[in-house]
Amino acid sequence: MNNMFLIYAHRGSSIRFPENTLPAFTRAIKDGANGIELDVQLTRDEQIVVFHDWTLQRITGRRGKISDYTLKQLRTMDFGIWKHTTFAGVRIPTLEQVFKQFTGKNIMINIELKNFFAMRNGLEKKVVELIRLHNMEKQVTISTFNPFSLELLHKNGCASDIAFLYFGRLKEPWKYAKEYACTYIHPPIQEITEELLLSCGEQGLKVVPYQVNTLAEIKKMIDLGTDGIITPRPALAYRLLHGTPERKQKRKRP
């Protein structure tokens, strides 16, 4: 899938389905996504679960963080009803469950490490080990806002592609991506310009922006020639791309 335009469903098809859950990921594939983006954290008993927020309040109404609870305790909580009563009973998935659902399929998985406030907890090592155990190296890209995590991924023998993820304005982000031996750069959509794409292409870096939320934004990224997008609306992206002529190449491809 290296030369295919990547439609990463942001936390799955998260506009209509409860984010970071198996139903959201399953729906994303039906909507035409060829990749899913998800977030991982460690539980108190060091199990890798798929969850975004720093606290449980927004999704479950419970106090505390993922790391305050064991996997067994988290399994008693409802992670779907906050979205709609239709999803009552949806449980938090483990990363291993996601791997088992998509292993061997033509689906990419972008794993964002949610460890900006929990450094040195072993998340990087455990994720790399799980990827290796399930032979998912070629299906996975790992991203993180934490530069220290990028170093730890390499130290733990990560064989998957790594993405330099950042927010806000950053001058010459490709230099940081190359410093940390990244294959991808994941900037916010506001930072995408033809100059950025050209510079990244010259450095052999692929660009997949996030916060691509509207039809106009999706179309703009396709027209500019990004290598993919991270969007909560994969169906819109698929409809724009499906059956259309090959996109104009506006920059040097890695």
C-alpha atoms as a PDB file:
ATOM      1  CA  MET A   1       0.000   0.000   0.000  1.00  0.00           C
ATOM      2  CA  ASN A   2       3.060   2.270  -0.117  1.00  0.00           C
ATOM      3  CA  ASN A   3       1.889   4.097  -3.251  1.00  0.00           C
ATOM      4  CA  MET A   4      -1.798   4.162  -2.399  1.00  0.00           C
ATOM      5  CA  PHE A   5      -3.487   7.290  -1.090  1.00  0.00           C
ATOM      6  CA  LEU A   6      -4.046   6.532   2.581  1.00  0.00           C
ATOM      7  CA  ILE A   7      -7.478   7.189   4.021  1.00  0.00           C
ATOM      8  CA  TYR A   8      -6.936   6.802   7.747  1.00  0.00           C
ATOM      9  CA  ALA A   9     -10.212   6.837   9.660  1.00  0.00           C
ATOM     10  CA  HIS A  10      -9.529   9.014  12.708  1.00  0.00           C
ATOM     11  CA  ARG A  11     -10.405   6.826  15.708  1.00  0.00           C
ATOM     12  CA  GLY A  12     -12.501   4.884  13.201  1.00  0.00           C
ATOM     13  CA  SER A  13     -15.630   6.337  11.605  1.00  0.00           C
ATOM     14  CA  SER A  14     -15.927   8.515  14.671  1.00  0.00           C
ATOM     15  CA  ILE A  15     -18.554  10.978  13.492  1.00  0.00           C
ATOM     16  CA  ARG A  16     -21.349   8.413  13.820  1.00  0.00           C
ATOM     17  CA  PHE A  17     -19.734   5.634  15.865  1.00  0.00           C
ATOM     18  CA  PRO A  18     -18.097   5.644  19.304  1.00  0.00           C
ATOM     19  CA  GLU A  19     -14.462   6.526  18.748  1.00  0.00           C
ATOM     20  CA  ASN A  20     -11.642   4.022  19.201  1.00  0.00           C
ATOM     21  CA  THR A  21     -13.957   1.017  19.359  1.00  0.00           C
ATOM     22  CA  LEU A  22     -14.241  -2.094  17.213  1.00  0.00           C
ATOM     23  CA  PRO A  23     -17.616  -0.985  15.763  1.00  0.00           C
ATOM     24  CA  ALA A  24     -16.028   2.308  14.669  1.00  0.00           C
ATOM     25  CA  PHE A  25     -13.114   0.481  13.032  1.00  0.00           C
ATOM     26  CA  THR A  26     -15.365  -2.041  11.292  1.00  0.00           C
ATOM     27  CA  ARG A  27     -17.568   0.745   9.972  1.00  0.00           C
ATOM     28  CA  ALA A  28     -14.518   2.660   8.732  1.00  0.00           C
ATOM     29  CA  ILE A  29     -13.566  -0.195   6.423  1.00  0.00           C
ATOM     30  CA  LYS A  30     -17.128  -0.375   5.099  1.00  0.00           C
ATOM     31  CA  ASP A  31     -16.909   3.382   4.490  1.00  0.00           C
ATOM     32  CA  GLY A  32     -13.897   2.879   2.252  1.00  0.00           C
ATOM     33  CA  ALA A  33     -10.981   3.546   4.604  1.00  0.00           C
ATOM     34  CA  ASN A  34      -7.801   1.618   3.842  1.00  0.00           C
ATOM     35  CA  GLY A  35      -6.380   2.501   7.232  1.00  0.00           C
ATOM     36  CA  ILE A  36      -7.477   3.193  10.780  1.00  0.00           C
ATOM     37  CA  GLU A  37      -5.944   5.631  13.229  1.00  0.00           C
ATOM     38  CA  LEU A  38      -6.143   4.816  16.916  1.00  0.00           C
ATOM     39  CA  ASP A  39      -4.644   5.792  20.269  1.00  0.00           C
ATOM     40  CA  VAL A  40      -3.108   3.502  22.863  1.00  0.00           C
ATOM     41  CA  GLN A  41      -2.385   3.699  26.582  1.00  0.00           C
ATOM     42  CA  LEU A  42      -1.387   1.305  29.330  1.00  0.00           C
ATOM     43  CA  THR A  43      -3.759   0.102  32.033  1.00  0.00           C
ATOM     44  CA  ARG A  44      -2.717  -0.288  35.660  1.00  0.00           C
ATOM     45  CA  ASP A  45      -1.844  -3.923  34.954  1.00  0.00           C
ATOM     46  CA  GLU A  46       0.126  -2.846  31.846  1.00  0.00           C
ATOM     47  CA  GLN A  47      -2.292  -4.006  29.157  1.00  0.00           C
ATOM     48  CA  ILE A  48      -2.366  -1.985  25.934  1.00  0.00           C
ATOM     49  CA  VAL A  49      -5.836  -0.565  25.368  1.00  0.00           C
ATOM     50  CA  VAL A  50      -7.234   1.730  22.691  1.00  0.00           C
ATOM     51  CA  PHE A  51      -8.292   5.059  24.170  1.00  0.00           C
ATOM     52  CA  HIS A  52      -7.579   8.723  23.457  1.00  0.00           C
ATOM     53  CA  ASP A  53      -8.374  10.997  26.393  1.00  0.00           C
ATOM     54  CA  TRP A  54      -6.197  11.633  29.412  1.00  0.00           C
ATOM     55  CA  THR A  55      -9.223  10.974  31.663  1.00  0.00           C
ATOM     56  CA  LEU A  56     -12.265   8.703  31.437  1.00  0.00           C
ATOM     57  CA  GLN A  57     -14.807  11.440  32.165  1.00  0.00           C
ATOM     58  CA  ARG A  58     -15.956  12.354  28.637  1.00  0.00           C
ATOM     59  CA  ILE A  59     -16.456   8.795  27.426  1.00  0.00           C
ATOM     60  CA  THR A  60     -17.546   6.854  30.511  1.00  0.00           C
ATOM     61  CA  GLY A  61     -18.483   9.487  33.080  1.00  0.00           C
ATOM     62  CA  ARG A  62     -16.026   7.875  35.477  1.00  0.00           C
ATOM     63  CA  ARG A  63     -13.241   9.568  37.383  1.00  0.00           C
ATOM     64  CA  GLY A  64      -9.579   8.902  36.879  1.00  0.00           C
ATOM     65  CA  LYS A  65      -7.285   7.792  34.072  1.00  0.00           C
ATOM     66  CA  ILE A  66      -6.820   4.585  32.128  1.00  0.00           C
ATOM     67  CA  SER A  67      -3.712   3.890  34.204  1.00  0.00           C
ATOM     68  CA  ASP A  68      -5.794   3.967  37.404  1.00  0.00           C
ATOM     69  CA  TYR A  69      -7.709   0.824  36.405  1.00  0.00           C
ATOM     70  CA  THR A  70      -6.941  -2.762  35.448  1.00  0.00           C
ATOM     71  CA  LEU A  71      -8.195  -4.134  32.150  1.00  0.00           C
ATOM     72  CA  LYS A  72     -10.774  -6.204  34.014  1.00  0.00           C
ATOM     73  CA  GLN A  73     -12.111  -3.082  35.726  1.00  0.00           C
ATOM     74  CA  LEU A  74     -12.234  -1.135  32.470  1.00  0.00           C
ATOM     75  CA  ARG A  75     -14.167  -3.986  30.849  1.00  0.00           C
ATOM     76  CA  THR A  76     -17.041  -3.315  33.250  1.00  0.00           C
ATOM     77  CA  MET A  77     -17.457   0.221  31.881  1.00  0.00           C
ATOM     78  CA  ASP A  78     -19.565   1.249  28.897  1.00  0.00           C
ATOM     79  CA  PHE A  79     -17.539   2.945  26.136  1.00  0.00           C
ATOM     80  CA  GLY A  80     -20.367   3.287  23.620  1.00  0.00           C
ATOM     81  CA  ILE A  81     -23.502   4.670  25.221  1.00  0.00           C
ATOM     82  CA  TRP A  82     -22.091   8.213  25.416  1.00  0.00           C
ATOM     83  CA  LYS A  83     -22.419   8.357  21.616  1.00  0.00           C
ATOM     84  CA  HIS A  84     -25.906   6.867  21.374  1.00  0.00           C
ATOM     85  CA  THR A  85     -28.010   4.292  23.180  1.00  0.00           C
ATOM     86  CA  THR A  86     -27.609   2.092  20.094  1.00  0.00           C
ATOM     87  CA  PHE A  87     -24.026   1.485  21.191  1.00  0.00           C
ATOM     88  CA  ALA A  88     -24.773   0.601  24.797  1.00  0.00           C
ATOM     89  CA  GLY A  89     -22.513  -2.188  25.991  1.00  0.00           C
ATOM     90  CA  VAL A  90     -19.559  -1.461  23.714  1.00  0.00           C
ATOM     91  CA  ARG A  91     -16.336  -2.210  25.597  1.00  0.00           C
ATOM     92  CA  ILE A  92     -12.853  -0.797  25.394  1.00  0.00           C
ATOM     93  CA  PRO A  93     -10.724  -2.796  22.927  1.00  0.00           C
ATOM     94  CA  THR A  94      -7.168  -3.937  23.446  1.00  0.00           C
ATOM     95  CA  LEU A  95      -4.607  -3.351  20.733  1.00  0.00           C
ATOM     96  CA  GLU A  96      -4.290  -7.109  20.419  1.00  0.00           C
ATOM     97  CA  GLN A  97      -7.988  -7.365  19.566  1.00  0.00           C
ATOM     98  CA  VAL A  98      -7.517  -4.840  16.783  1.00  0.00           C
ATOM     99  CA  PHE A  99      -4.516  -6.741  15.448  1.00  0.00           C
ATOM    100  CA  LYS A 100      -6.455  -9.997  15.417  1.00  0.00           C
ATOM    101  CA  GLN A 101      -9.277  -8.348  13.480  1.00  0.00           C
ATOM    102  CA  PHE A 102      -7.055  -6.846  10.781  1.00  0.00           C
ATOM    103  CA  THR A 103      -3.968  -9.040  10.560  1.00  0.00           C
ATOM    104  CA  GLY A 104      -3.221 -10.157   7.018  1.00  0.00           C
ATOM    105  CA  LYS A 105      -5.764  -7.751   5.544  1.00  0.00           C
ATOM    106  CA  ASN A 106      -4.948  -4.866   3.229  1.00  0.00           C
ATOM    107  CA  ILE A 107      -5.554  -2.369   6.021  1.00  0.00           C
ATOM    108  CA  MET A 108      -2.976  -0.031   7.552  1.00  0.00           C
ATOM    109  CA  ILE A 109      -3.034   0.812  11.243  1.00  0.00           C
ATOM    110  CA  ASN A 110      -1.689   4.099  12.576  1.00  0.00           C
ATOM    111  CA  ILE A 111      -0.965   3.764  16.276  1.00  0.00           C
ATOM    112  CA  GLU A 112      -0.591   6.997  18.202  1.00  0.00           C
ATOM    113  CA  LEU A 113       1.169   6.569  21.519  1.00  0.00           C
ATOM    114  CA  LYS A 114      -0.700   8.602  24.152  1.00  0.00           C
ATOM    115  CA  ASN A 115       2.190   9.031  26.533  1.00  0.00           C
ATOM    116  CA  PHE A 116       2.905  12.732  26.511  1.00  0.00           C
ATOM    117  CA  PHE A 117       2.224  12.863  30.256  1.00  0.00           C
ATOM    118  CA  ALA A 118       3.308   9.309  31.057  1.00  0.00           C
ATOM    119  CA  MET A 119       6.870   8.969  29.879  1.00  0.00           C
ATOM    120  CA  ARG A 120       9.054   5.993  30.765  1.00  0.00           C
ATOM    121  CA  ASN A 121       6.103   3.688  31.440  1.00  0.00           C
ATOM    122  CA  GLY A 122       7.225   1.028  28.943  1.00  0.00           C
ATOM    123  CA  LEU A 123       4.493   1.676  26.378  1.00  0.00           C
ATOM    124  CA  GLU A 124       6.910   1.829  23.454  1.00  0.00           C
ATOM    125  CA  LYS A 125       8.504  -1.520  24.265  1.00  0.00           C
ATOM    126  CA  LYS A 126       5.180  -3.262  24.764  1.00  0.00           C
ATOM    127  CA  VAL A 127       3.739  -1.939  21.505  1.00  0.00           C
ATOM    128  CA  VAL A 128       6.830  -2.989  19.537  1.00  0.00           C
ATOM    129  CA  GLU A 129       6.710  -6.458  21.129  1.00  0.00           C
ATOM    130  CA  LEU A 130       3.020  -6.883  20.295  1.00  0.00           C
ATOM    131  CA  ILE A 131       3.579  -5.799  16.700  1.00  0.00           C
ATOM    132  CA  ARG A 132       6.386  -8.329  16.395  1.00  0.00           C
ATOM    133  CA  LEU A 133       4.301 -11.089  18.001  1.00  0.00           C
ATOM    134  CA  HIS A 134       1.530 -10.654  15.432  1.00  0.00           C
ATOM    135  CA  ASN A 135       3.837  -9.999  12.452  1.00  0.00           C
ATOM    136  CA  MET A 136       2.216  -6.617  11.887  1.00  0.00           C
ATOM    137  CA  GLU A 137       5.373  -4.656  11.117  1.00  0.00           C
ATOM    138  CA  LYS A 138       4.363  -3.845   7.538  1.00  0.00           C
ATOM    139  CA  GLN A 139       0.782  -2.966   8.431  1.00  0.00           C
ATOM    140  CA  VAL A 140       1.618  -0.504  11.186  1.00  0.00           C
ATOM    141  CA  THR A 141       2.847   3.067  11.422  1.00  0.00           C
ATOM    142  CA  ILE A 142       3.559   4.471  14.885  1.00  0.00           C
ATOM    143  CA  SER A 143       3.198   8.157  15.686  1.00  0.00           C
ATOM    144  CA  THR A 144       3.646  10.261  18.798  1.00  0.00           C
ATOM    145  CA  PHE A 145       3.898  13.897  19.851  1.00  0.00           C
ATOM    146  CA  ASN A 146       6.679  12.882  22.239  1.00  0.00           C
ATOM    147  CA  PRO A 147      10.222  13.033  20.744  1.00  0.00           C
ATOM    148  CA  PHE A 148      11.510  10.920  23.636  1.00  0.00           C
ATOM    149  CA  SER A 149       9.154   8.152  22.475  1.00  0.00           C
ATOM    150  CA  LEU A 150      10.641   8.280  18.987  1.00  0.00           C
ATOM    151  CA  GLU A 151      14.045   7.524  20.502  1.00  0.00           C
ATOM    152  CA  LEU A 152      12.616   4.689  22.597  1.00  0.00           C
ATOM    153  CA  LEU A 153      10.941   3.117  19.572  1.00  0.00           C
ATOM    154  CA  HIS A 154      14.295   2.862  17.822  1.00  0.00           C
ATOM    155  CA  LYS A 155      16.029   1.595  20.972  1.00  0.00           C
ATOM    156  CA  ASN A 156      13.428  -1.163  21.221  1.00  0.00           C
ATOM    157  CA  GLY A 157      14.030  -2.315  17.661  1.00  0.00           C
ATOM    158  CA  CYS A 158      10.888  -0.942  16.032  1.00  0.00           C
ATOM    159  CA  ALA A 159      10.667  -2.360  12.494  1.00  0.00           C
ATOM    160  CA  SER A 160       7.528  -0.429  11.536  1.00  0.00           C
ATOM    161  CA  ASP A 161       7.369   2.977   9.905  1.00  0.00           C
ATOM    162  CA  ILE A 162       7.453   5.882  12.334  1.00  0.00           C
ATOM    163  CA  ALA A 163       5.661   9.202  11.856  1.00  0.00           C
ATOM    164  CA  PHE A 164       6.772  12.565  13.185  1.00  0.00           C
ATOM    165  CA  LEU A 165       3.547  14.006  14.647  1.00  0.00           C
ATOM    166  CA  TYR A 166       3.336  17.623  15.683  1.00  0.00           C
ATOM    167  CA  PHE A 167       0.915  20.465  16.371  1.00  0.00           C
ATOM    168  CA  GLY A 168       1.162  24.214  15.872  1.00  0.00           C
ATOM    169  CA  ARG A 169       3.719  25.895  13.665  1.00  0.00           C
ATOM    170  CA  LEU A 170       7.112  24.277  13.218  1.00  0.00           C
ATOM    171  CA  LYS A 171       9.817  25.614  10.943  1.00  0.00           C
ATOM    172  CA  GLU A 172      11.310  22.958   8.674  1.00  0.00           C
ATOM    173  CA  PRO A 173       9.640  19.972  10.378  1.00  0.00           C
ATOM    174  CA  TRP A 174      11.276  17.610   7.902  1.00  0.00           C
ATOM    175  CA  LYS A 175      14.585  18.194   9.679  1.00  0.00           C
ATOM    176  CA  TYR A 176      13.178  16.785  12.927  1.00  0.00           C
ATOM    177  CA  ALA A 177      11.589  13.886  11.075  1.00  0.00           C
ATOM    178  CA  LYS A 178      14.913  12.972   9.502  1.00  0.00           C
ATOM    179  CA  GLU A 179      16.715  13.383  12.837  1.00  0.00           C
ATOM    180  CA  TYR A 180      14.435  10.748  14.365  1.00  0.00           C
ATOM    181  CA  ALA A 181      14.595   8.486  11.285  1.00  0.00           C
ATOM    182  CA  CYS A 182      10.910   8.847  10.489  1.00  0.00           C
ATOM    183  CA  THR A 183       9.269   7.760   7.249  1.00  0.00           C
ATOM    184  CA  TYR A 184       6.181   9.933   7.587  1.00  0.00           C
ATOM    185  CA  ILE A 185       5.346  13.393   8.797  1.00  0.00           C
ATOM    186  CA  HIS A 186       1.880  14.016  10.270  1.00  0.00           C
ATOM    187  CA  PRO A 187       1.257  17.767  10.454  1.00  0.00           C
ATOM    188  CA  PRO A 188      -1.993  19.587  11.227  1.00  0.00           C
ATOM    189  CA  ILE A 189      -3.882  20.474   8.064  1.00  0.00           C
ATOM    190  CA  GLN A 190      -3.246  24.180   8.631  1.00  0.00           C
ATOM    191  CA  GLU A 191       0.465  23.614   7.969  1.00  0.00           C
ATOM    192  CA  ILE A 192       0.051  21.965   4.552  1.00  0.00           C
ATOM    193  CA  THR A 193       1.480  24.045   1.722  1.00  0.00           C
ATOM    194  CA  GLU A 194       2.985  23.175  -1.641  1.00  0.00           C
ATOM    195  CA  GLU A 195       6.362  24.245  -0.274  1.00  0.00           C
ATOM    196  CA  LEU A 196       6.066  21.876   2.686  1.00  0.00           C
ATOM    197  CA  LEU A 197       5.065  18.980   0.430  1.00  0.00           C
ATOM    198  CA  LEU A 198       7.910  19.679  -1.961  1.00  0.00           C
ATOM    199  CA  SER A 199      10.503  19.894   0.818  1.00  0.00           C
ATOM    200  CA  CYS A 200       9.284  16.693   2.451  1.00  0.00           C
ATOM    201  CA  GLY A 201       9.254  14.903  -0.896  1.00  0.00           C
ATOM    202  CA  GLU A 202      12.854  15.947  -1.534  1.00  0.00           C
ATOM    203  CA  GLN A 203      13.761  14.403   1.827  1.00  0.00           C
ATOM    204  CA  GLY A 204      11.959  11.142   1.012  1.00  0.00           C
ATOM    205  CA  LEU A 205       9.230  11.812   3.568  1.00  0.00           C
ATOM    206  CA  LYS A 206       5.566  11.048   3.040  1.00  0.00           C
ATOM    207  CA  VAL A 207       3.013  13.539   4.341  1.00  0.00           C
ATOM    208  CA  VAL A 208      -0.316  12.568   5.931  1.00  0.00           C
ATOM    209  CA  PRO A 209      -2.075  15.514   7.629  1.00  0.00           C
ATOM    210  CA  TYR A 210      -4.628  15.265  10.418  1.00  0.00           C
ATOM    211  CA  GLN A 211      -7.691  17.373  11.309  1.00  0.00           C
ATOM    212  CA  VAL A 212      -8.980  16.867   7.759  1.00  0.00           C
ATOM    213  CA  ASN A 213     -12.642  17.072   8.671  1.00  0.00           C
ATOM    214  CA  THR A 214     -14.691  18.590   5.845  1.00  0.00           C
ATOM    215  CA  LEU A 215     -15.362  17.771   2.222  1.00  0.00           C
ATOM    216  CA  ALA A 216     -13.526  20.931   1.137  1.00  0.00           C
ATOM    217  CA  GLU A 217     -10.505  20.056   3.272  1.00  0.00           C
ATOM    218  CA  ILE A 218     -10.371  16.491   1.970  1.00  0.00           C
ATOM    219  CA  LYS A 219     -10.547  17.717  -1.632  1.00  0.00           C
ATOM    220  CA  LYS A 220      -7.829  20.301  -1.025  1.00  0.00           C
ATOM    221  CA  MET A 221      -5.433  17.697   0.412  1.00  0.00           C
ATOM    222  CA  ILE A 222      -6.059  15.331  -2.501  1.00  0.00           C
ATOM    223  CA  ASP A 223      -5.518  18.113  -5.036  1.00  0.00           C
ATOM    224  CA  LEU A 224      -2.319  19.298  -3.362  1.00  0.00           C
ATOM    225  CA  GLY A 225      -0.913  15.789  -3.516  1.00  0.00           C
ATOM    226  CA  THR A 226      -0.551  14.618   0.075  1.00  0.00           C
ATOM    227  CA  ASP A 227       0.130  10.913   0.570  1.00  0.00           C
ATOM    228  CA  GLY A 228      -3.034  10.475   2.587  1.00  0.00           C
ATOM    229  CA  ILE A 229      -5.219  12.043   5.248  1.00  0.00           C
ATOM    230  CA  ILE A 230      -6.421  11.329   8.754  1.00  0.00           C
ATOM    231  CA  THR A 231     -10.148  12.039   8.803  1.00  0.00           C
ATOM    232  CA  PRO A 232     -13.239  11.073  10.815  1.00  0.00           C
ATOM    233  CA  ARG A 233     -15.167  10.961   7.513  1.00  0.00           C
ATOM    234  CA  PRO A 234     -13.513   8.262   5.379  1.00  0.00           C
ATOM    235  CA  ALA A 235     -16.642   7.805   3.253  1.00  0.00           C
ATOM    236  CA  LEU A 236     -16.292  11.344   1.892  1.00  0.00           C
ATOM    237  CA  ALA A 237     -12.666  10.748   0.942  1.00  0.00           C
ATOM    238  CA  TYR A 238     -13.495   7.445  -0.716  1.00  0.00           C
ATOM    239  CA  ARG A 239     -16.248   9.015  -2.807  1.00  0.00           C
ATOM    240  CA  LEU A 240     -13.904  11.767  -3.963  1.00  0.00           C
ATOM    241  CA  LEU A 241     -11.219   9.289  -4.976  1.00  0.00           C
ATOM    242  CA  HIS A 242     -13.195   6.325  -6.257  1.00  0.00           C
ATOM    243  CA  GLY A 243     -13.495   6.146 -10.000  1.00  0.00           C
ATOM    244  CA  THR A 244     -11.654   9.403 -10.608  1.00  0.00           C
ATOM    245  CA  PRO A 245      -8.612   9.835 -12.859  1.00  0.00           C
ATOM    246  CA  GLU A 246      -5.190   9.428 -11.294  1.00  0.00           C
ATOM    247  CA  ARG A 247      -4.325  12.432  -9.179  1.00  0.00           C
ATOM    248  CA  LYS A 248      -1.960  14.979 -10.632  1.00  0.00           C
ATOM    249  CA  GLN A 249       1.529  14.530  -9.223  1.00  0.00           C
ATOM    250  CA  LYS A 250       2.449  17.925  -7.806  1.00  0.00           C
ATOM    251  CA  ARG A 251       5.668  17.024  -6.085  1.00  0.00           C
ATOM    252  CA  LYS A 252       8.478  14.529  -6.083  1.00  0.00           C
ATOM    253  CA  ARG A 253       7.340  11.246  -4.561  1.00  0.00           C
ATOM    254  CA  PRO A 254       9.562   9.255  -2.193  1.00  0.00           C
END
